[in-house]
């Protein structure tokens, strides 16, 4: 293995809405979202072989409207 890239679960019409929401732990509304945040904090952020992708903003407690994720949330109001 050379690298690890973390990505969210996307629903490309693979799941019904309810099944997707049951699986989408990256969403703040998911009951186990806090567990995901705890696990992200355990990752060595300085390891060049690890790319957190979307999860980089989840690991940042200053996740706000100026971050790219904050802008996406604001623009699309879907998260």
PDB file of N, CA and C in Angstrom:
ATOM      1  N   UNK A   1       0.851  -1.169   0.000  1.00  0.00           N
ATOM      2  CA  UNK A   1       0.000   0.000   0.000  1.00  0.00           C
ATOM      3  C   UNK A   1       0.896   1.230   0.000  1.00  0.00           C
ATOM      4  N   UNK A   2       0.556   2.171  -0.857  1.00  0.00           N
ATOM      5  CA  UNK A   2       1.322   3.409  -0.935  1.00  0.00           C
ATOM      6  C   UNK A   2       0.660   4.551  -0.179  1.00  0.00           C
ATOM      7  N   UNK A   3      -0.656   4.658  -0.306  1.00  0.00           N
ATOM      8  CA  UNK A   3      -1.393   5.758   0.303  1.00  0.00           C
ATOM      9  C   UNK A   3      -2.759   5.288   0.764  1.00  0.00           C
ATOM     10  N   UNK A   4      -3.320   6.083   1.662  1.00  0.00           N
ATOM     11  CA  UNK A   4      -4.698   5.872   2.116  1.00  0.00           C
ATOM     12  C   UNK A   4      -5.446   7.173   1.859  1.00  0.00           C
ATOM     13  N   UNK A   5      -6.596   7.067   1.210  1.00  0.00           N
ATOM     14  CA  UNK A   5      -7.436   8.234   0.963  1.00  0.00           C
ATOM     15  C   UNK A   5      -8.808   7.974   1.566  1.00  0.00           C
ATOM     16  N   UNK A   6      -9.263   8.881   2.410  1.00  0.00           N
ATOM     17  CA  UNK A   6     -10.567   8.752   3.039  1.00  0.00           C
ATOM     18  C   UNK A   6     -11.598   9.541   2.238  1.00  0.00           C
ATOM     19  N   UNK A   7     -12.717   8.926   2.014  1.00  0.00           N
ATOM     20  CA  UNK A   7     -13.786   9.557   1.261  1.00  0.00           C
ATOM     21  C   UNK A   7     -15.118   9.239   1.927  1.00  0.00           C
ATOM     22  N   UNK A   8     -16.071  10.100   1.708  1.00  0.00           N
ATOM     23  CA  UNK A   8     -17.403   9.851   2.259  1.00  0.00           C
ATOM     24  C   UNK A   8     -18.168   8.883   1.371  1.00  0.00           C
ATOM     25  N   UNK A   9     -19.210   8.353   1.909  1.00  0.00           N
ATOM     26  CA  UNK A   9     -20.113   7.505   1.152  1.00  0.00           C
ATOM     27  C   UNK A   9     -21.018   8.415   0.328  1.00  0.00           C
ATOM     28  N   UNK A  10     -21.022   8.215  -0.964  1.00  0.00           N
ATOM     29  CA  UNK A  10     -21.894   8.988  -1.848  1.00  0.00           C
ATOM     30  C   UNK A  10     -23.042   8.105  -2.296  1.00  0.00           C
ATOM     31  N   UNK A  11     -24.186   8.705  -2.433  1.00  0.00           N
ATOM     32  CA  UNK A  11     -25.340   7.952  -2.895  1.00  0.00           C
ATOM     33  C   UNK A  11     -25.598   8.288  -4.361  1.00  0.00           C
ATOM     34  N   UNK A  12     -25.112   7.431  -5.233  1.00  0.00           N
ATOM     35  CA  UNK A  12     -25.308   7.595  -6.672  1.00  0.00           C
ATOM     36  C   UNK A  12     -26.543   6.800  -7.075  1.00  0.00           C
ATOM     37  N   UNK A  13     -27.613   7.008  -6.320  1.00  0.00           N
ATOM     38  CA  UNK A  13     -28.875   6.295  -6.514  1.00  0.00           C
ATOM     39  C   UNK A  13     -28.714   4.790  -6.298  1.00  0.00           C
ATOM     40  N   UNK A  14     -27.707   4.457  -5.479  1.00  0.00           N
ATOM     41  CA  UNK A  14     -27.450   3.065  -5.121  1.00  0.00           C
ATOM     42  C   UNK A  14     -28.357   2.636  -3.987  1.00  0.00           C
ATOM     43  N   UNK A  15     -28.608   3.547  -3.069  1.00  0.00           N
ATOM     44  CA  UNK A  15     -29.388   3.270  -1.872  1.00  0.00           C
ATOM     45  C   UNK A  15     -30.670   4.096  -1.870  1.00  0.00           C
ATOM     46  N   UNK A  16     -31.651   3.597  -1.163  1.00  0.00           N
ATOM     47  CA  UNK A  16     -32.804   4.457  -0.888  1.00  0.00           C
ATOM     48  C   UNK A  16     -32.322   5.540   0.072  1.00  0.00           C
ATOM     49  N   UNK A  17     -33.054   6.603   0.202  1.00  0.00           N
ATOM     50  CA  UNK A  17     -32.652   7.693   1.104  1.00  0.00           C
ATOM     51  C   UNK A  17     -32.467   7.215   2.531  1.00  0.00           C
ATOM     52  N   UNK A  18     -33.378   6.371   3.010  1.00  0.00           N
ATOM     53  CA  UNK A  18     -33.286   5.916   4.395  1.00  0.00           C
ATOM     54  C   UNK A  18     -32.081   5.005   4.620  1.00  0.00           C
ATOM     55  N   UNK A  19     -31.793   4.130   3.667  1.00  0.00           N
ATOM     56  CA  UNK A  19     -30.622   3.246   3.796  1.00  0.00           C
ATOM     57  C   UNK A  19     -29.342   4.081   3.746  1.00  0.00           C
ATOM     58  N   UNK A  20     -29.289   5.039   2.837  1.00  0.00           N
ATOM     59  CA  UNK A  20     -28.115   5.905   2.753  1.00  0.00           C
ATOM     60  C   UNK A  20     -27.883   6.638   4.070  1.00  0.00           C
ATOM     61  N   UNK A  21     -28.922   7.220   4.640  1.00  0.00           N
ATOM     62  CA  UNK A  21     -28.764   7.947   5.901  1.00  0.00           C
ATOM     63  C   UNK A  21     -28.344   7.032   7.037  1.00  0.00           C
ATOM     64  N   UNK A  22     -28.743   5.772   6.993  1.00  0.00           N
ATOM     65  CA  UNK A  22     -28.291   4.802   7.997  1.00  0.00           C
ATOM     66  C   UNK A  22     -26.797   4.530   7.876  1.00  0.00           C
ATOM     67  N   UNK A  23     -26.255   4.627   6.671  1.00  0.00           N
ATOM     68  CA  UNK A  23     -24.856   4.316   6.418  1.00  0.00           C
ATOM     69  C   UNK A  23     -23.942   5.549   6.451  1.00  0.00           C
ATOM     70  N   UNK A  24     -24.488   6.726   6.303  1.00  0.00           N
ATOM     71  CA  UNK A  24     -23.701   7.952   6.117  1.00  0.00           C
ATOM     72  C   UNK A  24     -23.233   8.528   7.451  1.00  0.00           C
ATOM     73  N   UNK A  25     -22.272   7.856   8.059  1.00  0.00           N
ATOM     74  CA  UNK A  25     -21.776   8.269   9.377  1.00  0.00           C
ATOM     75  C   UNK A  25     -21.081   9.637   9.322  1.00  0.00           C
ATOM     76  N   UNK A  26     -20.665  10.077   8.140  1.00  0.00           N
ATOM     77  CA  UNK A  26     -20.017  11.381   8.010  1.00  0.00           C
ATOM     78  C   UNK A  26     -20.994  12.545   8.205  1.00  0.00           C
ATOM     79  N   UNK A  27     -22.273  12.273   8.164  1.00  0.00           N
ATOM     80  CA  UNK A  27     -23.269  13.331   8.373  1.00  0.00           C
ATOM     81  C   UNK A  27     -23.471  13.579   9.869  1.00  0.00           C
ATOM     82  N   UNK A  28     -23.535  14.832  10.234  1.00  0.00           N
ATOM     83  CA  UNK A  28     -23.689  15.201  11.647  1.00  0.00           C
ATOM     84  C   UNK A  28     -24.937  14.605  12.270  1.00  0.00           C
ATOM     85  N   UNK A  29     -25.941  14.334  11.476  1.00  0.00           N
ATOM     86  CA  UNK A  29     -27.199  13.795  12.001  1.00  0.00           C
ATOM     87  C   UNK A  29     -27.119  12.301  12.324  1.00  0.00           C
ATOM     88  N   UNK A  30     -26.062  11.635  11.883  1.00  0.00           N
ATOM     89  CA  UNK A  30     -25.924  10.196  12.139  1.00  0.00           C
ATOM     90  C   UNK A  30     -25.653   9.960  13.625  1.00  0.00           C
ATOM     91  N   UNK A  31     -26.317   8.977  14.238  1.00  0.00           N
ATOM     92  CA  UNK A  31     -26.140   8.738  15.676  1.00  0.00           C
ATOM     93  C   UNK A  31     -24.712   8.350  16.085  1.00  0.00           C
ATOM     94  N   UNK A  32     -23.903   7.851  15.159  1.00  0.00           N
ATOM     95  CA  UNK A  32     -22.527   7.459  15.487  1.00  0.00           C
ATOM     96  C   UNK A  32     -21.490   8.450  14.944  1.00  0.00           C
ATOM     97  N   UNK A  33     -21.935   9.620  14.553  1.00  0.00           N
ATOM     98  CA  UNK A  33     -21.025  10.624  13.996  1.00  0.00           C
ATOM     99  C   UNK A  33     -19.914  10.978  14.987  1.00  0.00           C
ATOM    100  N   UNK A  34     -20.220  11.096  16.246  1.00  0.00           N
ATOM    101  CA  UNK A  34     -19.210  11.441  17.257  1.00  0.00           C
ATOM    102  C   UNK A  34     -18.116  10.374  17.332  1.00  0.00           C
ATOM    103  N   UNK A  35     -18.487   9.118  17.129  1.00  0.00           N
ATOM    104  CA  UNK A  35     -17.487   8.047  17.107  1.00  0.00           C
ATOM    105  C   UNK A  35     -16.524   8.219  15.933  1.00  0.00           C
ATOM    106  N   UNK A  36     -17.059   8.617  14.798  1.00  0.00           N
ATOM    107  CA  UNK A  36     -16.209   8.891  13.642  1.00  0.00           C
ATOM    108  C   UNK A  36     -15.220  10.009  13.965  1.00  0.00           C
ATOM    109  N   UNK A  37     -15.693  11.068  14.569  1.00  0.00           N
ATOM    110  CA  UNK A  37     -14.813  12.184  14.923  1.00  0.00           C
ATOM    111  C   UNK A  37     -13.723  11.737  15.880  1.00  0.00           C
ATOM    112  N   UNK A  38     -14.069  10.894  16.845  1.00  0.00           N
ATOM    113  CA  UNK A  38     -13.069  10.358  17.785  1.00  0.00           C
ATOM    114  C   UNK A  38     -11.997   9.569  17.048  1.00  0.00           C
ATOM    115  N   UNK A  39     -12.404   8.750  16.087  1.00  0.00           N
ATOM    116  CA  UNK A  39     -11.441   7.936  15.333  1.00  0.00           C
ATOM    117  C   UNK A  39     -10.561   8.804  14.446  1.00  0.00           C
ATOM    118  N   UNK A  40     -11.116   9.838  13.859  1.00  0.00           N
ATOM    119  CA  UNK A  40     -10.321  10.739  13.015  1.00  0.00           C
ATOM    120  C   UNK A  40      -9.224  11.398  13.834  1.00  0.00           C
ATOM    121  N   UNK A  41      -9.512  11.732  15.076  1.00  0.00           N
ATOM    122  CA  UNK A  41      -8.518  12.374  15.939  1.00  0.00           C
ATOM    123  C   UNK A  41      -7.323  11.468  16.221  1.00  0.00           C
ATOM    124  N   UNK A  42      -7.471  10.178  16.050  1.00  0.00           N
ATOM    125  CA  UNK A  42      -6.389   9.208  16.309  1.00  0.00           C
ATOM    126  C   UNK A  42      -5.416   9.092  15.127  1.00  0.00           C
ATOM    127  N   UNK A  43      -5.763   9.668  13.998  1.00  0.00           N
ATOM    128  CA  UNK A  43      -4.940   9.548  12.794  1.00  0.00           C
ATOM    129  C   UNK A  43      -3.794  10.544  12.842  1.00  0.00           C
ATOM    130  N   UNK A  44      -2.603  10.078  12.463  1.00  0.00           N
ATOM    131  CA  UNK A  44      -1.432  10.950  12.389  1.00  0.00           C
ATOM    132  C   UNK A  44      -1.585  11.882  11.192  1.00  0.00           C
ATOM    133  N   UNK A  45      -1.908  13.124  11.453  1.00  0.00           N
ATOM    134  CA  UNK A  45      -2.179  14.092  10.395  1.00  0.00           C
ATOM    135  C   UNK A  45      -0.922  14.465   9.600  1.00  0.00           C
ATOM    136  N   UNK A  46       0.247  14.117  10.118  1.00  0.00           N
ATOM    137  CA  UNK A  46       1.496  14.480   9.449  1.00  0.00           C
ATOM    138  C   UNK A  46       2.048  13.341   8.594  1.00  0.00           C
ATOM    139  N   UNK A  47       1.363  12.228   8.570  1.00  0.00           N
ATOM    140  CA  UNK A  47       1.784  11.091   7.746  1.00  0.00           C
ATOM    141  C   UNK A  47       1.496  11.405   6.283  1.00  0.00           C
ATOM    142  N   UNK A  48       2.537  11.475   5.478  1.00  0.00           N
ATOM    143  CA  UNK A  48       2.386  11.847   4.065  1.00  0.00           C
ATOM    144  C   UNK A  48       1.619  10.798   3.265  1.00  0.00           C
ATOM    145  N   UNK A  49       1.471   9.608   3.794  1.00  0.00           N
ATOM    146  CA  UNK A  49       0.764   8.550   3.076  1.00  0.00           C
ATOM    147  C   UNK A  49      -0.735   8.561   3.342  1.00  0.00           C
ATOM    148  N   UNK A  50      -1.176   9.449   4.200  1.00  0.00           N
ATOM    149  CA  UNK A  50      -2.598   9.510   4.541  1.00  0.00           C
ATOM    150  C   UNK A  50      -3.188  10.820   4.035  1.00  0.00           C
ATOM    151  N   UNK A  51      -4.235  10.712   3.245  1.00  0.00           N
ATOM    152  CA  UNK A  51      -4.966  11.889   2.769  1.00  0.00           C
ATOM    153  C   UNK A  51      -6.382  11.790   3.305  1.00  0.00           C
ATOM    154  N   UNK A  52      -6.730  12.718   4.180  1.00  0.00           N
ATOM    155  CA  UNK A  52      -8.041  12.676   4.817  1.00  0.00           C
ATOM    156  C   UNK A  52      -9.162  13.150   3.910  1.00  0.00           C
ATOM    157  N   UNK A  53      -8.850  13.813   2.816  1.00  0.00           N
ATOM    158  CA  UNK A  53      -9.903  14.267   1.916  1.00  0.00           C
ATOM    159  C   UNK A  53     -10.943  15.085   2.672  1.00  0.00           C
ATOM    160  N   UNK A  54     -12.195  14.739   2.471  1.00  0.00           N
ATOM    161  CA  UNK A  54     -13.316  15.413   3.138  1.00  0.00           C
ATOM    162  C   UNK A  54     -13.158  15.416   4.654  1.00  0.00           C
ATOM    163  N   UNK A  55     -12.590  14.352   5.192  1.00  0.00           N
ATOM    164  CA  UNK A  55     -12.507  14.206   6.642  1.00  0.00           C
ATOM    165  C   UNK A  55     -11.526  15.190   7.284  1.00  0.00           C
ATOM    166  N   UNK A  56     -10.694  15.827   6.485  1.00  0.00           N
ATOM    167  CA  UNK A  56      -9.772  16.835   7.030  1.00  0.00           C
ATOM    168  C   UNK A  56     -10.566  17.942   7.725  1.00  0.00           C
ATOM    169  N   UNK A  57     -11.664  18.365   7.137  1.00  0.00           N
ATOM    170  CA  UNK A  57     -12.481  19.405   7.772  1.00  0.00           C
ATOM    171  C   UNK A  57     -13.188  18.881   9.015  1.00  0.00           C
ATOM    172  N   UNK A  58     -13.523  17.597   9.037  1.00  0.00           N
ATOM    173  CA  UNK A  58     -14.153  17.038  10.230  1.00  0.00           C
ATOM    174  C   UNK A  58     -13.171  16.985  11.384  1.00  0.00           C
ATOM    175  N   UNK A  59     -11.887  16.835  11.066  1.00  0.00           N
ATOM    176  CA  UNK A  59     -10.878  16.758  12.121  1.00  0.00           C
ATOM    177  C   UNK A  59     -10.514  18.136  12.657  1.00  0.00           C
ATOM    178  N   UNK A  60     -10.999  19.188  11.992  1.00  0.00           N
ATOM    179  CA  UNK A  60     -10.685  20.557  12.368  1.00  0.00           C
ATOM    180  C   UNK A  60     -11.829  21.144  13.186  1.00  0.00           C
ATOM    181  N   UNK A  61     -11.596  21.381  14.475  1.00  0.00           N
ATOM    182  CA  UNK A  61     -12.682  21.925  15.301  1.00  0.00           C
ATOM    183  C   UNK A  61     -13.151  23.310  14.870  1.00  0.00           C
ATOM    184  N   UNK A  62     -12.344  24.000  14.070  1.00  0.00           N
ATOM    185  CA  UNK A  62     -12.739  25.313  13.568  1.00  0.00           C
ATOM    186  C   UNK A  62     -13.491  25.197  12.251  1.00  0.00           C
ATOM    187  N   UNK A  63     -14.149  24.062  12.020  1.00  0.00           N
ATOM    188  CA  UNK A  63     -14.921  23.869  10.787  1.00  0.00           C
ATOM    189  C   UNK A  63     -16.025  24.928  10.754  1.00  0.00           C
ATOM    190  N   UNK A  64     -15.823  25.918   9.906  1.00  0.00           N
ATOM    191  CA  UNK A  64     -16.776  27.028   9.895  1.00  0.00           C
ATOM    192  C   UNK A  64     -17.115  27.420   8.469  1.00  0.00           C
ATOM    193  N   UNK A  65     -17.840  28.481   8.310  1.00  0.00           N
ATOM    194  CA  UNK A  65     -18.323  28.907   7.000  1.00  0.00           C
ATOM    195  C   UNK A  65     -17.201  29.352   6.065  1.00  0.00           C
ATOM    196  N   UNK A  66     -15.970  29.580   6.572  1.00  0.00           N
ATOM    197  CA  UNK A  66     -14.882  29.975   5.687  1.00  0.00           C
ATOM    198  C   UNK A  66     -14.149  28.773   5.119  1.00  0.00           C
ATOM    199  N   UNK A  67     -14.355  27.588   5.671  1.00  0.00           N
ATOM    200  CA  UNK A  67     -13.728  26.391   5.116  1.00  0.00           C
ATOM    201  C   UNK A  67     -14.454  25.991   3.838  1.00  0.00           C
ATOM    202  N   UNK A  68     -13.791  25.216   3.002  1.00  0.00           N
ATOM    203  CA  UNK A  68     -14.450  24.795   1.755  1.00  0.00           C
ATOM    204  C   UNK A  68     -15.688  23.981   2.049  1.00  0.00           C
ATOM    205  N   UNK A  69     -15.652  23.151   3.103  1.00  0.00           N
ATOM    206  CA  UNK A  69     -16.838  22.367   3.454  1.00  0.00           C
ATOM    207  C   UNK A  69     -17.951  23.289   3.929  1.00  0.00           C
ATOM    208  N   UNK A  70     -17.601  24.300   4.703  1.00  0.00           N
ATOM    209  CA  UNK A  70     -18.601  25.257   5.145  1.00  0.00           C
ATOM    210  C   UNK A  70     -19.268  25.956   3.978  1.00  0.00           C
ATOM    211  N   UNK A  71     -18.473  26.294   2.962  1.00  0.00           N
ATOM    212  CA  UNK A  71     -19.033  26.938   1.774  1.00  0.00           C
ATOM    213  C   UNK A  71     -19.977  25.996   1.031  1.00  0.00           C
ATOM    214  N   UNK A  72     -19.562  24.743   0.918  1.00  0.00           N
ATOM    215  CA  UNK A  72     -20.428  23.773   0.246  1.00  0.00           C
ATOM    216  C   UNK A  72     -21.725  23.606   1.031  1.00  0.00           C
ATOM    217  N   UNK A  73     -21.631  23.504   2.341  1.00  0.00           N
ATOM    218  CA  UNK A  73     -22.838  23.385   3.161  1.00  0.00           C
ATOM    219  C   UNK A  73     -23.750  24.586   2.925  1.00  0.00           C
ATOM    220  N   UNK A  74     -23.155  25.749   2.891  1.00  0.00           N
ATOM    221  CA  UNK A  74     -23.942  26.969   2.703  1.00  0.00           C
ATOM    222  C   UNK A  74     -24.561  27.004   1.301  1.00  0.00           C
ATOM    223  N   UNK A  75     -23.769  26.702   0.275  1.00  0.00           N
ATOM    224  CA  UNK A  75     -24.245  26.783  -1.106  1.00  0.00           C
ATOM    225  C   UNK A  75     -25.354  25.780  -1.385  1.00  0.00           C
ATOM    226  N   UNK A  76     -25.168  24.572  -0.959  1.00  0.00           N
ATOM    227  CA  UNK A  76     -26.109  23.521  -1.307  1.00  0.00           C
ATOM    228  C   UNK A  76     -27.098  23.181  -0.198  1.00  0.00           C
ATOM    229  N   UNK A  77     -26.771  23.541   1.015  1.00  0.00           N
ATOM    230  CA  UNK A  77     -27.631  23.283   2.168  1.00  0.00           C
ATOM    231  C   UNK A  77     -28.129  21.837   2.178  1.00  0.00           C
ATOM    232  N   UNK A  78     -27.197  20.900   1.941  1.00  0.00           N
ATOM    233  CA  UNK A  78     -27.579  19.494   1.871  1.00  0.00           C
ATOM    234  C   UNK A  78     -26.963  18.649   2.983  1.00  0.00           C
ATOM    235  N   UNK A  79     -25.991  19.156   3.697  1.00  0.00           N
ATOM    236  CA  UNK A  79     -25.323  18.337   4.722  1.00  0.00           C
ATOM    237  C   UNK A  79     -25.964  18.534   6.066  1.00  0.00           C
TER     238      UNK A  79
END
